[in-house]
Amino acid sequence: MLATSSSKQMSLENLLEHIFTIRRITRQDQQLLMSALLSKDGLSEQEHQQINRVFDALKKGLLKVVD
């Protein structure tokens, strides 16, 4: 799903937008984020910042973790 750079970026953007819109993160969302973080292509600084927003929101209780 996150194979090419442009599709990876779009998928990551869509995933993050979805997470912040519903203010929840599922196990599947978590797995997709981890796949993006561990991808061989690596992430841009902007992508790292976007993912860090998720972790910050989790720490602050702004996102709910659901199964």
N, C-alpha and C. Protein backbone atom coordinates (compact mmCIF):
# COMPACT_ATOMS: atom_id res chain seq x y z
N MET A 1 0.82 -1.19 0.00
CA MET A 1 0.00 0.00 0.00
C MET A 1 0.87 1.25 0.00
N LEU A 2 1.96 1.21 0.68
CA LEU A 2 2.85 2.37 0.73
C LEU A 2 4.08 2.13 -0.12
N ALA A 3 3.88 1.55 -1.31
CA ALA A 3 4.99 1.08 -2.12
C ALA A 3 5.80 2.19 -2.76
N THR A 4 5.20 3.03 -3.57
CA THR A 4 5.96 4.07 -4.26
C THR A 4 5.95 5.35 -3.45
N SER A 5 6.88 6.22 -3.79
CA SER A 5 7.02 7.46 -3.03
C SER A 5 5.75 8.31 -3.07
N SER A 6 5.18 8.51 -4.27
CA SER A 6 3.99 9.35 -4.37
C SER A 6 2.78 8.68 -3.74
N SER A 7 2.60 7.37 -3.97
CA SER A 7 1.47 6.69 -3.34
C SER A 7 1.69 6.58 -1.83
N LYS A 8 2.95 6.42 -1.41
CA LYS A 8 3.27 6.38 0.02
C LYS A 8 2.87 7.69 0.67
N GLN A 9 3.23 8.80 0.04
CA GLN A 9 2.92 10.11 0.59
C GLN A 9 1.42 10.32 0.66
N MET A 10 0.71 10.00 -0.42
CA MET A 10 -0.73 10.18 -0.43
C MET A 10 -1.39 9.28 0.59
N SER A 11 -0.97 8.03 0.68
CA SER A 11 -1.55 7.11 1.63
C SER A 11 -1.28 7.56 3.06
N LEU A 12 -0.08 8.01 3.32
CA LEU A 12 0.28 8.49 4.65
C LEU A 12 -0.53 9.73 4.99
N GLU A 13 -0.64 10.66 4.05
CA GLU A 13 -1.44 11.86 4.27
C GLU A 13 -2.89 11.51 4.55
N ASN A 14 -3.45 10.59 3.75
CA ASN A 14 -4.84 10.18 3.94
C ASN A 14 -5.04 9.51 5.29
N LEU A 15 -4.10 8.65 5.65
CA LEU A 15 -4.18 7.95 6.93
C LEU A 15 -4.16 8.94 8.09
N LEU A 16 -3.22 9.87 8.06
CA LEU A 16 -3.12 10.85 9.14
C LEU A 16 -4.35 11.75 9.20
N GLU A 17 -4.85 12.14 8.04
CA GLU A 17 -6.06 12.96 8.01
C GLU A 17 -7.23 12.19 8.63
N HIS A 18 -7.34 10.92 8.29
CA HIS A 18 -8.41 10.07 8.83
C HIS A 18 -8.29 9.96 10.35
N ILE A 19 -7.09 9.70 10.84
CA ILE A 19 -6.86 9.56 12.28
C ILE A 19 -7.28 10.82 13.02
N PHE A 20 -6.87 11.98 12.52
CA PHE A 20 -7.18 13.22 13.22
C PHE A 20 -8.63 13.64 13.05
N THR A 21 -9.26 13.22 11.95
CA THR A 21 -10.67 13.55 11.74
C THR A 21 -11.56 12.82 12.73
N ILE A 22 -11.31 11.51 12.89
CA ILE A 22 -12.16 10.72 13.79
C ILE A 22 -11.61 10.69 15.22
N ARG A 23 -10.40 11.22 15.40
CA ARG A 23 -9.74 11.28 16.71
C ARG A 23 -9.58 9.91 17.36
N ARG A 24 -9.33 8.92 16.49
CA ARG A 24 -9.10 7.55 16.95
C ARG A 24 -8.02 6.94 16.08
N ILE A 25 -7.31 5.97 16.67
CA ILE A 25 -6.32 5.21 15.90
C ILE A 25 -6.56 3.74 16.17
N THR A 26 -6.66 2.96 15.11
CA THR A 26 -6.90 1.53 15.22
C THR A 26 -5.58 0.77 15.14
N ARG A 27 -5.64 -0.51 15.41
CA ARG A 27 -4.45 -1.36 15.27
C ARG A 27 -3.96 -1.34 13.82
N GLN A 28 -4.89 -1.36 12.88
CA GLN A 28 -4.51 -1.32 11.46
C GLN A 28 -3.81 0.00 11.14
N ASP A 29 -4.34 1.11 11.65
CA ASP A 29 -3.69 2.41 11.45
C ASP A 29 -2.28 2.38 12.02
N GLN A 30 -2.14 1.80 13.20
CA GLN A 30 -0.83 1.70 13.86
C GLN A 30 0.13 0.89 12.99
N GLN A 31 -0.35 -0.22 12.44
CA GLN A 31 0.51 -1.06 11.60
C GLN A 31 0.94 -0.32 10.34
N LEU A 32 0.03 0.46 9.75
CA LEU A 32 0.38 1.23 8.56
C LEU A 32 1.42 2.30 8.88
N LEU A 33 1.28 2.94 10.03
CA LEU A 33 2.28 3.94 10.44
C LEU A 33 3.63 3.29 10.67
N MET A 34 3.63 2.13 11.33
CA MET A 34 4.90 1.44 11.58
C MET A 34 5.53 1.00 10.27
N SER A 35 4.73 0.54 9.33
CA SER A 35 5.26 0.16 8.02
C SER A 35 5.91 1.35 7.33
N ALA A 36 5.26 2.50 7.43
CA ALA A 36 5.82 3.71 6.82
C ALA A 36 7.13 4.10 7.49
N LEU A 37 7.18 4.01 8.82
CA LEU A 37 8.40 4.36 9.55
C LEU A 37 9.56 3.42 9.21
N LEU A 38 9.24 2.16 8.99
CA LEU A 38 10.28 1.16 8.75
C LEU A 38 10.53 0.90 7.26
N SER A 39 9.88 1.67 6.40
CA SER A 39 10.02 1.43 4.96
C SER A 39 11.45 1.67 4.51
N LYS A 40 11.85 0.96 3.49
CA LYS A 40 13.21 1.08 2.97
C LYS A 40 13.45 2.44 2.33
N ASP A 41 12.40 3.05 1.80
CA ASP A 41 12.53 4.34 1.13
C ASP A 41 12.83 5.46 2.13
N GLY A 42 12.46 5.25 3.37
CA GLY A 42 12.64 6.29 4.36
C GLY A 42 11.54 7.34 4.23
N LEU A 43 11.52 8.25 5.17
CA LEU A 43 10.50 9.29 5.20
C LEU A 43 11.15 10.66 5.15
N SER A 44 10.42 11.59 4.60
CA SER A 44 10.91 12.97 4.59
C SER A 44 10.76 13.57 5.98
N GLU A 45 11.37 14.70 6.19
CA GLU A 45 11.26 15.40 7.47
C GLU A 45 9.80 15.75 7.76
N GLN A 46 9.07 16.16 6.74
CA GLN A 46 7.66 16.52 6.90
C GLN A 46 6.84 15.30 7.33
N GLU A 47 7.13 14.16 6.74
CA GLU A 47 6.41 12.93 7.10
C GLU A 47 6.71 12.53 8.54
N HIS A 48 7.97 12.68 8.95
CA HIS A 48 8.32 12.40 10.35
C HIS A 48 7.56 13.33 11.28
N GLN A 49 7.46 14.59 10.94
CA GLN A 49 6.73 15.55 11.77
C GLN A 49 5.26 15.20 11.87
N GLN A 50 4.68 14.77 10.75
CA GLN A 50 3.26 14.38 10.76
C GLN A 50 3.03 13.18 11.67
N ILE A 51 3.92 12.21 11.61
CA ILE A 51 3.77 11.03 12.45
C ILE A 51 4.01 11.40 13.92
N ASN A 52 4.94 12.29 14.18
CA ASN A 52 5.18 12.75 15.55
C ASN A 52 3.95 13.46 16.12
N ARG A 53 3.17 14.11 15.26
CA ARG A 53 1.92 14.73 15.71
C ARG A 53 0.98 13.68 16.28
N VAL A 54 0.96 12.50 15.67
CA VAL A 54 0.11 11.42 16.16
C VAL A 54 0.58 11.00 17.55
N PHE A 55 1.88 10.78 17.71
CA PHE A 55 2.40 10.36 19.02
C PHE A 55 2.16 11.43 20.08
N ASP A 56 2.33 12.69 19.72
CA ASP A 56 2.07 13.78 20.66
C ASP A 56 0.59 13.82 21.06
N ALA A 57 -0.29 13.65 20.08
CA ALA A 57 -1.72 13.65 20.36
C ALA A 57 -2.11 12.47 21.25
N LEU A 58 -1.46 11.33 21.04
CA LEU A 58 -1.72 10.17 21.91
C LEU A 58 -1.29 10.46 23.35
N LYS A 59 -0.10 11.05 23.50
CA LYS A 59 0.41 11.37 24.84
C LYS A 59 -0.49 12.37 25.56
N LYS A 60 -1.06 13.30 24.81
CA LYS A 60 -1.92 14.33 25.40
C LYS A 60 -3.36 13.87 25.59
N GLY A 61 -3.67 12.67 25.13
CA GLY A 61 -5.03 12.16 25.26
C GLY A 61 -6.00 12.71 24.23
N LEU A 62 -5.48 13.27 23.15
CA LEU A 62 -6.34 13.85 22.11
C LEU A 62 -6.83 12.80 21.12
N LEU A 63 -6.18 11.63 21.12
CA LEU A 63 -6.59 10.52 20.27
C LEU A 63 -6.91 9.33 21.15
N LYS A 64 -7.90 8.58 20.73
CA LYS A 64 -8.29 7.37 21.45
C LYS A 64 -7.80 6.15 20.66
N VAL A 65 -7.23 5.19 21.37
CA VAL A 65 -6.77 3.95 20.75
C VAL A 65 -7.91 2.95 20.82
N VAL A 66 -8.27 2.41 19.64
CA VAL A 66 -9.36 1.44 19.57
C VAL A 66 -8.90 0.21 18.79
N ASP A 67 -9.58 -0.91 18.98
CA ASP A 67 -9.25 -2.13 18.23
C ASP A 67 -9.99 -2.18 16.93
